[in-house]
Amino acid sequence: MKSTINKGKHYSRNWLYKVIFFLNYRKSITKYVEFDESCWYERDSVENTGVNKLFGFSGMKHKTNSARFGWQPNFNERGWINLYDYSYIDGERVYGVIYTCKVGFVYKLQLIKIISNVRFLVDDGIKCVKKFNTLRIWKRLWFYFGGKSKAPQKMSVKIRRVWL
């Protein structure tokens, strides 16, 4: 499925899909992701360049307890996207670059909850492990641009969910 954020917006479309798959009981999310060239932008085109969000999960308050993949262009090399582990752990935001993706290539991304941790995997390799308060029910977090800044242009990414 292609997720798109329009210029001047934060959220992607696909509202019906989001409503149907809002809550989840599974202990993992696996998706194949392909960034489009439209996801690369110049640092100067965004006033407050922050980490954008790709997908993840949380309790009902995502700024308290959540885990998701974040992304941002690699501003040093056009056509490359930095992937981040992006989490809130007991209300504290923690993130860092874990991988660099080439635009137009497909990557397998996984978030796996195990006891009190969440593992971030890229192409089946563990890139990061973070503390996570395990919940029986959690909500999904979706493709999102920015924090304060809005998308400087229309952006698309192909995200294919793997049903396990």
N, C-alpha and C. Protein backbone atom coordinates (compact mmCIF):
# COMPACT_ATOMS: atom_id res chain seq x y z
N MET A 1 0.84 -1.16 0.00
CA MET A 1 0.00 0.00 0.00
C MET A 1 0.90 1.24 0.00
N LYS A 2 0.54 2.19 -0.78
CA LYS A 2 1.30 3.43 -0.86
C LYS A 2 0.71 4.42 0.16
N SER A 3 1.55 4.92 1.07
CA SER A 3 1.13 5.93 2.03
C SER A 3 1.67 7.27 1.57
N THR A 4 0.82 8.28 1.59
CA THR A 4 1.21 9.60 1.09
C THR A 4 0.88 10.67 2.11
N ILE A 5 1.82 11.60 2.27
CA ILE A 5 1.59 12.80 3.07
C ILE A 5 1.64 13.96 2.09
N ASN A 6 0.59 14.74 2.04
CA ASN A 6 0.54 15.89 1.14
C ASN A 6 1.34 17.06 1.68
N LYS A 7 1.79 17.92 0.77
CA LYS A 7 2.53 19.13 1.13
C LYS A 7 1.73 19.93 2.15
N GLY A 8 2.42 20.38 3.20
CA GLY A 8 1.78 21.19 4.23
C GLY A 8 1.00 20.40 5.27
N LYS A 9 1.12 19.07 5.26
CA LYS A 9 0.39 18.21 6.20
C LYS A 9 1.37 17.42 7.05
N HIS A 10 0.85 16.81 8.12
CA HIS A 10 1.62 15.91 8.97
C HIS A 10 1.27 14.44 8.70
N TYR A 11 -0.02 14.17 8.54
CA TYR A 11 -0.52 12.79 8.50
C TYR A 11 -0.68 12.25 7.09
N SER A 12 -0.50 10.94 6.99
CA SER A 12 -0.77 10.27 5.72
C SER A 12 -2.27 10.04 5.60
N ARG A 13 -2.68 9.68 4.40
CA ARG A 13 -4.09 9.38 4.17
C ARG A 13 -4.36 7.93 4.56
N ASN A 14 -5.23 7.23 3.89
CA ASN A 14 -5.58 5.82 4.17
C ASN A 14 -6.36 5.69 5.48
N TRP A 15 -7.32 6.58 5.73
CA TRP A 15 -8.04 6.61 7.00
C TRP A 15 -8.84 5.34 7.28
N LEU A 16 -9.49 4.76 6.27
CA LEU A 16 -10.27 3.55 6.51
C LEU A 16 -9.38 2.42 7.01
N TYR A 17 -8.24 2.24 6.40
CA TYR A 17 -7.27 1.23 6.82
C TYR A 17 -6.85 1.47 8.27
N LYS A 18 -6.59 2.73 8.62
CA LYS A 18 -6.16 3.07 9.98
C LYS A 18 -7.24 2.76 11.01
N VAL A 19 -8.48 3.03 10.68
CA VAL A 19 -9.58 2.76 11.61
C VAL A 19 -9.74 1.25 11.82
N ILE A 20 -9.70 0.49 10.74
CA ILE A 20 -9.88 -0.96 10.83
C ILE A 20 -8.76 -1.61 11.64
N PHE A 21 -7.53 -1.14 11.47
CA PHE A 21 -6.38 -1.78 12.12
C PHE A 21 -5.79 -0.93 13.25
N PHE A 22 -6.63 -0.16 13.95
CA PHE A 22 -6.17 0.73 15.00
C PHE A 22 -5.56 -0.02 16.18
N LEU A 23 -6.29 -0.98 16.76
CA LEU A 23 -5.82 -1.73 17.91
C LEU A 23 -5.23 -3.06 17.47
N ASN A 24 -4.33 -3.60 18.29
CA ASN A 24 -3.69 -4.85 17.93
C ASN A 24 -3.32 -5.62 19.19
N TYR A 25 -3.25 -6.94 19.06
CA TYR A 25 -2.85 -7.82 20.16
C TYR A 25 -1.53 -8.52 19.86
N ARG A 26 -1.05 -8.44 18.64
CA ARG A 26 0.17 -9.16 18.24
C ARG A 26 1.40 -8.59 18.95
N LYS A 27 2.43 -9.41 19.03
CA LYS A 27 3.66 -8.98 19.69
C LYS A 27 4.71 -8.49 18.72
N SER A 28 4.33 -8.39 17.43
CA SER A 28 5.31 -7.89 16.46
C SER A 28 4.60 -7.25 15.27
N ILE A 29 5.34 -6.40 14.58
CA ILE A 29 4.90 -5.82 13.31
C ILE A 29 6.03 -6.05 12.32
N THR A 30 5.70 -6.60 11.17
CA THR A 30 6.67 -6.78 10.10
C THR A 30 6.13 -6.11 8.85
N LYS A 31 6.96 -5.26 8.25
CA LYS A 31 6.55 -4.56 7.04
C LYS A 31 7.73 -4.49 6.07
N TYR A 32 7.38 -4.52 4.78
CA TYR A 32 8.36 -4.25 3.74
C TYR A 32 8.16 -2.80 3.33
N VAL A 33 9.24 -2.04 3.34
CA VAL A 33 9.16 -0.60 3.12
C VAL A 33 10.07 -0.18 1.98
N GLU A 34 9.54 0.68 1.12
CA GLU A 34 10.33 1.26 0.03
C GLU A 34 10.09 2.77 0.02
N PHE A 35 11.15 3.52 0.30
CA PHE A 35 11.06 4.98 0.27
C PHE A 35 11.09 5.48 -1.16
N ASP A 36 10.26 6.43 -1.47
CA ASP A 36 10.19 7.09 -2.77
C ASP A 36 11.18 8.26 -2.75
N GLU A 37 11.63 8.68 -3.92
CA GLU A 37 12.53 9.84 -4.03
C GLU A 37 11.89 11.09 -3.40
N SER A 38 10.56 11.13 -3.36
CA SER A 38 9.87 12.30 -2.80
C SER A 38 10.10 12.46 -1.30
N CYS A 39 10.60 11.42 -0.62
CA CYS A 39 10.88 11.50 0.82
C CYS A 39 12.19 12.22 1.12
N TRP A 40 12.99 12.44 0.09
CA TRP A 40 14.25 13.16 0.29
C TRP A 40 13.99 14.65 0.08
N TYR A 41 14.45 15.46 1.00
CA TYR A 41 14.28 16.91 0.90
C TYR A 41 15.52 17.59 1.47
N GLU A 42 15.72 18.83 1.09
CA GLU A 42 16.86 19.61 1.59
C GLU A 42 16.60 20.04 3.03
N ARG A 43 17.62 20.03 3.85
CA ARG A 43 17.51 20.45 5.25
C ARG A 43 16.92 21.85 5.35
N ASP A 44 17.31 22.75 4.44
CA ASP A 44 16.85 24.14 4.49
C ASP A 44 15.38 24.30 4.14
N SER A 45 14.74 23.28 3.56
CA SER A 45 13.33 23.39 3.17
C SER A 45 12.37 23.18 4.35
N VAL A 46 12.91 22.79 5.50
CA VAL A 46 12.10 22.55 6.70
C VAL A 46 12.68 23.36 7.85
N GLU A 47 11.82 24.15 8.48
CA GLU A 47 12.29 25.05 9.54
C GLU A 47 12.87 24.31 10.73
N ASN A 48 12.14 23.37 11.29
CA ASN A 48 12.60 22.58 12.43
C ASN A 48 12.72 21.13 12.00
N THR A 49 13.86 20.76 11.49
CA THR A 49 14.03 19.40 10.99
C THR A 49 14.06 18.43 12.16
N GLY A 50 13.05 17.56 12.23
CA GLY A 50 12.97 16.55 13.27
C GLY A 50 12.94 15.18 12.64
N VAL A 51 12.77 14.18 13.47
CA VAL A 51 12.67 12.81 12.98
C VAL A 51 11.21 12.55 12.59
N ASN A 52 11.00 12.14 11.37
CA ASN A 52 9.67 11.77 10.88
C ASN A 52 9.40 10.34 11.33
N LYS A 53 8.14 9.94 11.31
CA LYS A 53 7.79 8.62 11.80
C LYS A 53 7.29 7.73 10.65
N LEU A 54 7.67 6.46 10.71
CA LEU A 54 7.29 5.51 9.67
C LEU A 54 6.13 4.62 10.14
N PHE A 55 6.35 3.83 11.19
CA PHE A 55 5.28 3.03 11.81
C PHE A 55 5.76 2.55 13.16
N GLY A 56 4.82 2.10 13.97
CA GLY A 56 5.16 1.57 15.28
C GLY A 56 3.92 1.29 16.10
N PHE A 57 4.11 1.22 17.44
CA PHE A 57 2.99 0.96 18.33
C PHE A 57 3.21 1.65 19.67
N SER A 58 2.12 1.79 20.41
CA SER A 58 2.18 2.43 21.72
C SER A 58 0.99 2.02 22.56
N GLY A 59 1.03 2.46 23.83
CA GLY A 59 -0.16 2.39 24.66
C GLY A 59 -1.06 3.53 24.19
N MET A 60 -2.01 3.92 24.95
CA MET A 60 -2.92 4.97 24.51
C MET A 60 -2.25 6.35 24.46
N LYS A 61 -1.17 6.54 25.19
CA LYS A 61 -0.43 7.82 25.17
C LYS A 61 0.94 7.57 24.56
N HIS A 62 1.09 7.90 23.27
CA HIS A 62 2.34 7.54 22.57
C HIS A 62 3.55 8.35 23.05
N LYS A 63 3.34 9.47 23.75
CA LYS A 63 4.48 10.22 24.28
C LYS A 63 4.87 9.75 25.68
N THR A 64 4.28 8.65 26.12
CA THR A 64 4.64 8.03 27.39
C THR A 64 5.36 6.72 27.17
N ASN A 65 4.80 5.89 26.29
CA ASN A 65 5.35 4.56 26.07
C ASN A 65 5.08 4.13 24.63
N SER A 66 6.11 4.19 23.78
CA SER A 66 5.92 3.81 22.38
C SER A 66 7.25 3.39 21.76
N ALA A 67 7.13 2.71 20.64
CA ALA A 67 8.30 2.31 19.86
C ALA A 67 7.91 2.39 18.39
N ARG A 68 8.74 3.04 17.59
CA ARG A 68 8.47 3.11 16.16
C ARG A 68 9.75 3.40 15.40
N PHE A 69 9.70 3.08 14.12
CA PHE A 69 10.78 3.45 13.23
C PHE A 69 10.58 4.90 12.83
N GLY A 70 11.66 5.67 12.89
CA GLY A 70 11.64 7.04 12.41
C GLY A 70 12.50 7.13 11.16
N TRP A 71 12.42 8.25 10.47
CA TRP A 71 13.22 8.43 9.26
C TRP A 71 13.49 9.91 9.02
N GLN A 72 14.53 10.14 8.27
CA GLN A 72 14.93 11.49 7.87
C GLN A 72 15.93 11.34 6.72
N PRO A 73 15.91 12.26 5.76
CA PRO A 73 16.91 12.16 4.69
C PRO A 73 18.32 12.19 5.28
N ASN A 74 19.23 11.48 4.64
CA ASN A 74 20.64 11.64 4.97
C ASN A 74 21.07 12.89 4.22
N PHE A 75 21.17 14.00 4.93
CA PHE A 75 21.41 15.29 4.30
C PHE A 75 22.79 15.39 3.64
N ASN A 76 23.67 14.44 3.92
CA ASN A 76 25.00 14.44 3.31
C ASN A 76 25.02 13.75 1.95
N GLU A 77 23.99 12.93 1.66
CA GLU A 77 23.99 12.18 0.41
C GLU A 77 22.57 12.01 -0.14
N ARG A 78 22.30 12.67 -1.23
CA ARG A 78 20.98 12.62 -1.84
C ARG A 78 20.61 11.19 -2.22
N GLY A 79 19.34 10.83 -1.99
CA GLY A 79 18.87 9.50 -2.35
C GLY A 79 19.02 8.47 -1.24
N TRP A 80 19.47 8.89 -0.08
CA TRP A 80 19.62 7.98 1.06
C TRP A 80 18.77 8.49 2.22
N ILE A 81 18.16 7.56 2.96
CA ILE A 81 17.29 7.88 4.09
C ILE A 81 17.86 7.20 5.34
N ASN A 82 18.00 7.98 6.41
CA ASN A 82 18.42 7.42 7.69
C ASN A 82 17.20 6.86 8.42
N LEU A 83 17.33 5.63 8.91
CA LEU A 83 16.29 5.02 9.74
C LEU A 83 16.68 5.20 11.20
N TYR A 84 15.69 5.48 12.03
CA TYR A 84 15.91 5.69 13.46
C TYR A 84 15.09 4.69 14.27
N ASP A 85 15.60 4.33 15.45
CA ASP A 85 14.74 3.78 16.48
C ASP A 85 14.21 5.02 17.19
N TYR A 86 12.92 5.10 17.39
CA TYR A 86 12.30 6.31 17.97
C TYR A 86 11.31 5.84 19.02
N SER A 87 11.61 6.14 20.28
CA SER A 87 10.81 5.61 21.38
C SER A 87 10.56 6.66 22.44
N TYR A 88 9.48 6.44 23.15
CA TYR A 88 9.25 7.12 24.42
C TYR A 88 9.27 6.03 25.47
N ILE A 89 10.14 6.21 26.46
CA ILE A 89 10.28 5.24 27.55
C ILE A 89 9.95 5.98 28.84
N ASP A 90 8.82 5.64 29.45
CA ASP A 90 8.34 6.33 30.65
C ASP A 90 8.35 7.85 30.46
N GLY A 91 7.91 8.31 29.29
CA GLY A 91 7.79 9.74 29.01
C GLY A 91 9.04 10.42 28.48
N GLU A 92 10.16 9.71 28.42
CA GLU A 92 11.41 10.29 27.91
C GLU A 92 11.63 9.84 26.47
N ARG A 93 11.85 10.82 25.57
CA ARG A 93 12.08 10.51 24.16
C ARG A 93 13.53 10.08 23.96
N VAL A 94 13.70 8.94 23.28
CA VAL A 94 15.02 8.38 23.03
C VAL A 94 15.05 7.93 21.56
N TYR A 95 16.10 8.35 20.82
CA TYR A 95 16.18 7.94 19.42
C TYR A 95 17.61 8.02 18.92
N GLY A 96 17.87 7.32 17.82
CA GLY A 96 19.18 7.35 17.19
C GLY A 96 19.14 6.66 15.84
N VAL A 97 20.10 6.99 14.98
CA VAL A 97 20.18 6.36 13.66
C VAL A 97 20.61 4.91 13.83
N ILE A 98 19.89 4.00 13.17
CA ILE A 98 20.24 2.58 13.26
C ILE A 98 20.58 1.97 11.89
N TYR A 99 20.22 2.68 10.80
CA TYR A 99 20.47 2.11 9.48
C TYR A 99 20.29 3.21 8.44
N THR A 100 20.89 3.04 7.27
CA THR A 100 20.71 3.97 6.17
C THR A 100 20.20 3.20 4.96
N CYS A 101 19.07 3.67 4.40
CA CYS A 101 18.39 2.99 3.29
C CYS A 101 18.57 3.78 2.00
N LYS A 102 18.69 3.08 0.91
CA LYS A 102 18.73 3.71 -0.42
C LYS A 102 17.31 3.84 -0.93
N VAL A 103 16.97 5.02 -1.42
CA VAL A 103 15.66 5.27 -2.02
C VAL A 103 15.44 4.30 -3.17
N GLY A 104 14.23 3.73 -3.26
CA GLY A 104 13.90 2.81 -4.34
C GLY A 104 14.19 1.35 -4.04
N PHE A 105 14.79 1.05 -2.90
CA PHE A 105 15.07 -0.33 -2.51
C PHE A 105 14.09 -0.75 -1.42
N VAL A 106 13.78 -2.04 -1.36
CA VAL A 106 12.83 -2.56 -0.38
C VAL A 106 13.59 -3.13 0.81
N TYR A 107 13.11 -2.79 2.02
CA TYR A 107 13.72 -3.26 3.26
C TYR A 107 12.66 -3.90 4.14
N LYS A 108 13.03 -4.98 4.79
CA LYS A 108 12.14 -5.64 5.74
C LYS A 108 12.40 -5.03 7.12
N LEU A 109 11.37 -4.42 7.70
CA LEU A 109 11.49 -3.78 9.01
C LEU A 109 10.57 -4.49 10.00
N GLN A 110 11.09 -4.75 11.20
CA GLN A 110 10.31 -5.45 12.22
C GLN A 110 10.46 -4.77 13.57
N LEU A 111 9.36 -4.71 14.29
CA LEU A 111 9.35 -4.36 15.71
C LEU A 111 8.82 -5.58 16.43
N ILE A 112 9.60 -6.10 17.38
CA ILE A 112 9.20 -7.31 18.10
C ILE A 112 9.25 -7.04 19.60
N LYS A 113 8.11 -7.22 20.28
CA LYS A 113 8.05 -7.06 21.74
C LYS A 113 8.41 -8.39 22.39
N ILE A 114 9.40 -8.37 23.27
CA ILE A 114 9.81 -9.56 24.00
C ILE A 114 9.98 -9.16 25.46
N ILE A 115 9.13 -9.71 26.31
CA ILE A 115 9.09 -9.42 27.75
C ILE A 115 9.05 -7.90 27.96
N SER A 116 10.11 -7.27 28.44
CA SER A 116 10.06 -5.83 28.71
C SER A 116 10.93 -5.04 27.73
N ASN A 117 11.14 -5.60 26.54
CA ASN A 117 11.95 -4.94 25.52
C ASN A 117 11.24 -4.95 24.18
N VAL A 118 11.69 -4.07 23.30
CA VAL A 118 11.26 -4.12 21.91
C VAL A 118 12.53 -4.15 21.06
N ARG A 119 12.54 -5.01 20.07
CA ARG A 119 13.68 -5.14 19.17
C ARG A 119 13.34 -4.48 17.84
N PHE A 120 14.29 -3.72 17.32
CA PHE A 120 14.19 -3.09 16.01
C PHE A 120 15.07 -3.90 15.06
N LEU A 121 14.46 -4.50 14.03
CA LEU A 121 15.21 -5.31 13.07
C LEU A 121 15.08 -4.72 11.67
N VAL A 122 16.19 -4.77 10.93
CA VAL A 122 16.21 -4.37 9.53
C VAL A 122 16.78 -5.56 8.76
N ASP A 123 16.01 -6.06 7.79
CA ASP A 123 16.42 -7.23 7.00
C ASP A 123 16.90 -8.37 7.89
N ASP A 124 16.14 -8.66 8.95
CA ASP A 124 16.34 -9.75 9.89
C ASP A 124 17.53 -9.58 10.83
N GLY A 125 18.22 -8.46 10.80
CA GLY A 125 19.32 -8.20 11.72
C GLY A 125 18.88 -7.25 12.82
N ILE A 126 19.15 -7.60 14.09
CA ILE A 126 18.78 -6.73 15.21
C ILE A 126 19.67 -5.50 15.18
N LYS A 127 19.05 -4.32 15.13
CA LYS A 127 19.79 -3.07 15.09
C LYS A 127 19.77 -2.35 16.43
N CYS A 128 18.76 -2.65 17.25
CA CYS A 128 18.61 -1.92 18.50
C CYS A 128 17.62 -2.66 19.39
N VAL A 129 17.83 -2.60 20.70
CA VAL A 129 16.90 -3.13 21.67
C VAL A 129 16.61 -2.02 22.68
N LYS A 130 15.33 -1.76 22.93
CA LYS A 130 14.93 -0.70 23.88
C LYS A 130 14.00 -1.28 24.92
N LYS A 131 14.01 -0.67 26.10
CA LYS A 131 13.06 -1.01 27.14
C LYS A 131 11.65 -0.70 26.63
N PHE A 132 10.70 -1.54 26.98
CA PHE A 132 9.32 -1.28 26.57
C PHE A 132 8.37 -1.92 27.56
N ASN A 133 7.41 -1.15 28.02
CA ASN A 133 6.40 -1.66 28.93
C ASN A 133 5.43 -2.51 28.12
N THR A 134 5.46 -3.80 28.31
CA THR A 134 4.62 -4.67 27.50
C THR A 134 3.15 -4.48 27.85
N LEU A 135 2.36 -4.41 26.83
CA LEU A 135 0.92 -4.21 26.97
C LEU A 135 0.21 -5.34 26.25
N ARG A 136 -0.96 -5.69 26.73
CA ARG A 136 -1.75 -6.72 26.04
C ARG A 136 -2.38 -6.16 24.77
N ILE A 137 -2.85 -4.93 24.86
CA ILE A 137 -3.46 -4.27 23.71
C ILE A 137 -2.70 -2.98 23.45
N TRP A 138 -2.43 -2.71 22.20
CA TRP A 138 -1.72 -1.48 21.87
C TRP A 138 -2.28 -0.91 20.59
N LYS A 139 -2.01 0.37 20.37
CA LYS A 139 -2.48 0.99 19.13
C LYS A 139 -1.32 1.15 18.17
N ARG A 140 -1.67 1.18 16.90
CA ARG A 140 -0.66 1.36 15.85
C ARG A 140 -0.38 2.84 15.64
N LEU A 141 0.84 3.12 15.27
CA LEU A 141 1.25 4.48 14.91
C LEU A 141 1.66 4.45 13.44
N TRP A 142 1.32 5.50 12.70
CA TRP A 142 1.40 5.49 11.24
C TRP A 142 2.41 6.48 10.69
N PHE A 143 2.57 6.43 9.38
CA PHE A 143 3.44 7.32 8.60
C PHE A 143 3.07 8.77 8.91
N TYR A 144 4.07 9.54 9.36
CA TYR A 144 3.83 10.89 9.86
C TYR A 144 5.04 11.77 9.56
N PHE A 145 4.81 13.02 9.17
CA PHE A 145 5.92 13.93 8.92
C PHE A 145 6.08 14.89 10.09
N GLY A 146 7.32 15.01 10.53
CA GLY A 146 7.69 16.07 11.46
C GLY A 146 7.42 15.79 12.91
N GLY A 147 7.46 16.91 13.55
CA GLY A 147 7.10 17.16 14.92
C GLY A 147 6.32 18.45 14.77
N LYS A 148 7.06 19.55 14.73
CA LYS A 148 6.42 20.85 14.53
C LYS A 148 6.27 21.21 13.05
N SER A 149 7.24 20.88 12.25
CA SER A 149 7.22 21.24 10.83
C SER A 149 6.27 20.35 10.05
N LYS A 150 5.74 20.88 8.96
CA LYS A 150 4.87 20.12 8.06
C LYS A 150 5.65 19.75 6.80
N ALA A 151 5.14 18.79 6.09
CA ALA A 151 5.82 18.28 4.89
C ALA A 151 6.07 19.40 3.87
N PRO A 152 7.32 19.55 3.41
CA PRO A 152 7.63 20.60 2.44
C PRO A 152 7.17 20.26 1.02
N GLN A 153 6.77 19.01 0.80
CA GLN A 153 6.32 18.54 -0.52
C GLN A 153 5.51 17.27 -0.30
N LYS A 154 4.83 16.83 -1.33
CA LYS A 154 4.09 15.56 -1.27
C LYS A 154 5.12 14.44 -1.16
N MET A 155 4.90 13.52 -0.21
CA MET A 155 5.84 12.43 0.04
C MET A 155 5.11 11.10 0.07
N SER A 156 5.74 10.08 -0.52
CA SER A 156 5.12 8.75 -0.55
C SER A 156 6.13 7.68 -0.17
N VAL A 157 5.61 6.65 0.45
CA VAL A 157 6.40 5.46 0.77
C VAL A 157 5.50 4.26 0.58
N LYS A 158 6.06 3.17 0.04
CA LYS A 158 5.30 1.93 -0.10
C LYS A 158 5.53 1.10 1.15
N ILE A 159 4.44 0.72 1.80
CA ILE A 159 4.52 -0.07 3.02
C ILE A 159 3.63 -1.29 2.84
N ARG A 160 4.23 -2.47 2.86
CA ARG A 160 3.46 -3.71 2.72
C ARG A 160 3.55 -4.49 4.02
N ARG A 161 2.40 -4.71 4.63
CA ARG A 161 2.33 -5.45 5.89
C ARG A 161 2.47 -6.94 5.63
N VAL A 162 3.17 -7.62 6.52
CA VAL A 162 3.32 -9.07 6.45
C VAL A 162 2.45 -9.64 7.56
N TRP A 163 1.53 -10.50 7.22
CA TRP A 163 0.62 -11.11 8.20
C TRP A 163 1.22 -12.41 8.69
N LEU A 164 1.65 -12.45 9.93
CA LEU A 164 2.25 -13.67 10.51
C LEU A 164 1.36 -14.26 11.57
